[in-house]
Amino acid sequence: MMRGDQKIFIPNPHGGDIGTPLLKQILKEFDNGLEEWIRLEK
């Protein structure tokens, strides 16, 4: 995942595609920290 020059790596030890439920959980958790992410970028 990239934002500008910053990158976030989402580990995937399985090496394959991740399922929809896990992707939804990751996005939900990211959304909860979105304001902090924006604040840290400044």
N, C-alpha and C. Protein backbone atom coordinates (compact mmCIF):
# COMPACT_ATOMS: atom_id res chain seq x y z
N MET A 1 0.86 -1.16 0.00
CA MET A 1 0.00 0.00 0.00
C MET A 1 0.91 1.22 0.00
N MET A 2 0.63 2.18 -0.84
CA MET A 2 1.46 3.38 -0.93
C MET A 2 0.61 4.64 -0.77
N ARG A 3 1.22 5.64 -0.17
CA ARG A 3 0.64 6.97 -0.09
C ARG A 3 1.78 7.94 -0.28
N GLY A 4 1.78 8.61 -1.40
CA GLY A 4 2.92 9.46 -1.72
C GLY A 4 4.18 8.62 -1.80
N ASP A 5 5.21 9.01 -1.04
CA ASP A 5 6.46 8.26 -1.00
C ASP A 5 6.47 7.21 0.11
N GLN A 6 5.42 7.17 0.94
CA GLN A 6 5.39 6.24 2.05
C GLN A 6 4.75 4.92 1.64
N LYS A 7 5.32 3.83 2.13
CA LYS A 7 4.81 2.51 1.82
C LYS A 7 4.47 1.78 3.11
N ILE A 8 3.40 1.02 3.08
CA ILE A 8 3.04 0.13 4.17
C ILE A 8 2.99 -1.27 3.58
N PHE A 9 3.72 -2.18 4.20
CA PHE A 9 3.72 -3.55 3.73
C PHE A 9 2.77 -4.37 4.59
N ILE A 10 1.89 -5.07 3.94
CA ILE A 10 0.95 -5.94 4.63
C ILE A 10 1.50 -7.36 4.47
N PRO A 11 1.94 -7.96 5.58
CA PRO A 11 2.53 -9.28 5.47
C PRO A 11 1.52 -10.33 5.02
N ASN A 12 1.98 -11.24 4.19
CA ASN A 12 1.14 -12.33 3.71
C ASN A 12 2.02 -13.58 3.66
N PRO A 13 2.09 -14.31 4.78
CA PRO A 13 2.98 -15.46 4.83
C PRO A 13 2.58 -16.59 3.88
N HIS A 14 1.37 -16.56 3.36
CA HIS A 14 0.90 -17.61 2.48
C HIS A 14 1.40 -17.43 1.05
N GLY A 15 1.77 -16.20 0.69
CA GLY A 15 2.29 -15.94 -0.64
C GLY A 15 1.24 -15.87 -1.74
N GLY A 16 0.01 -16.22 -1.43
CA GLY A 16 -1.05 -16.17 -2.44
C GLY A 16 -2.00 -15.01 -2.17
N ASP A 17 -3.10 -15.03 -2.87
CA ASP A 17 -4.10 -13.99 -2.67
C ASP A 17 -4.73 -14.14 -1.28
N ILE A 18 -5.13 -13.00 -0.71
CA ILE A 18 -5.84 -13.06 0.56
C ILE A 18 -7.33 -13.04 0.28
N GLY A 19 -8.09 -13.62 1.20
CA GLY A 19 -9.53 -13.71 1.01
C GLY A 19 -10.24 -12.40 1.32
N THR A 20 -11.45 -12.31 0.85
CA THR A 20 -12.27 -11.11 1.05
C THR A 20 -12.46 -10.77 2.53
N PRO A 21 -12.77 -11.75 3.41
CA PRO A 21 -12.95 -11.39 4.83
C PRO A 21 -11.71 -10.75 5.45
N LEU A 22 -10.52 -11.28 5.14
CA LEU A 22 -9.30 -10.71 5.69
C LEU A 22 -9.05 -9.32 5.13
N LEU A 23 -9.28 -9.13 3.84
CA LEU A 23 -9.10 -7.81 3.24
C LEU A 23 -10.04 -6.80 3.87
N LYS A 24 -11.28 -7.18 4.11
CA LYS A 24 -12.24 -6.28 4.76
C LYS A 24 -11.76 -5.90 6.16
N GLN A 25 -11.22 -6.88 6.90
CA GLN A 25 -10.72 -6.61 8.24
C GLN A 25 -9.54 -5.64 8.21
N ILE A 26 -8.62 -5.86 7.28
CA ILE A 26 -7.46 -4.98 7.15
C ILE A 26 -7.90 -3.56 6.83
N LEU A 27 -8.82 -3.41 5.88
CA LEU A 27 -9.29 -2.08 5.49
C LEU A 27 -10.04 -1.41 6.63
N LYS A 28 -10.81 -2.17 7.40
CA LYS A 28 -11.53 -1.60 8.55
C LYS A 28 -10.54 -1.09 9.59
N GLU A 29 -9.51 -1.87 9.88
CA GLU A 29 -8.51 -1.45 10.85
C GLU A 29 -7.74 -0.24 10.35
N PHE A 30 -7.44 -0.21 9.06
CA PHE A 30 -6.74 0.95 8.50
C PHE A 30 -7.61 2.19 8.61
N ASP A 31 -8.90 2.05 8.31
CA ASP A 31 -9.81 3.19 8.38
C ASP A 31 -9.86 3.76 9.79
N ASN A 32 -9.78 2.89 10.80
CA ASN A 32 -9.79 3.36 12.18
C ASN A 32 -8.56 4.20 12.49
N GLY A 33 -7.45 3.96 11.81
CA GLY A 33 -6.23 4.72 12.05
C GLY A 33 -5.94 5.75 10.98
N LEU A 34 -6.91 6.01 10.10
CA LEU A 34 -6.69 6.91 8.98
C LEU A 34 -6.34 8.33 9.43
N GLU A 35 -7.02 8.84 10.44
CA GLU A 35 -6.73 10.20 10.90
C GLU A 35 -5.30 10.30 11.43
N GLU A 36 -4.85 9.27 12.16
CA GLU A 36 -3.48 9.28 12.66
C GLU A 36 -2.49 9.21 11.50
N TRP A 37 -2.79 8.39 10.50
CA TRP A 37 -1.93 8.27 9.31
C TRP A 37 -1.78 9.63 8.64
N ILE A 38 -2.89 10.35 8.49
CA ILE A 38 -2.85 11.68 7.86
C ILE A 38 -2.06 12.64 8.71
N ARG A 39 -2.25 12.58 10.03
CA ARG A 39 -1.54 13.48 10.94
C ARG A 39 -0.04 13.21 10.89
N LEU A 40 0.37 11.96 10.82
CA LEU A 40 1.79 11.62 10.80
C LEU A 40 2.45 12.04 9.49
N GLU A 41 1.65 12.12 8.43
CA GLU A 41 2.20 12.48 7.13
C GLU A 41 2.65 13.93 7.10
N LYS A 42 2.01 14.78 7.89
CA LYS A 42 2.31 16.23 7.85
C LYS A 42 3.55 16.58 8.56
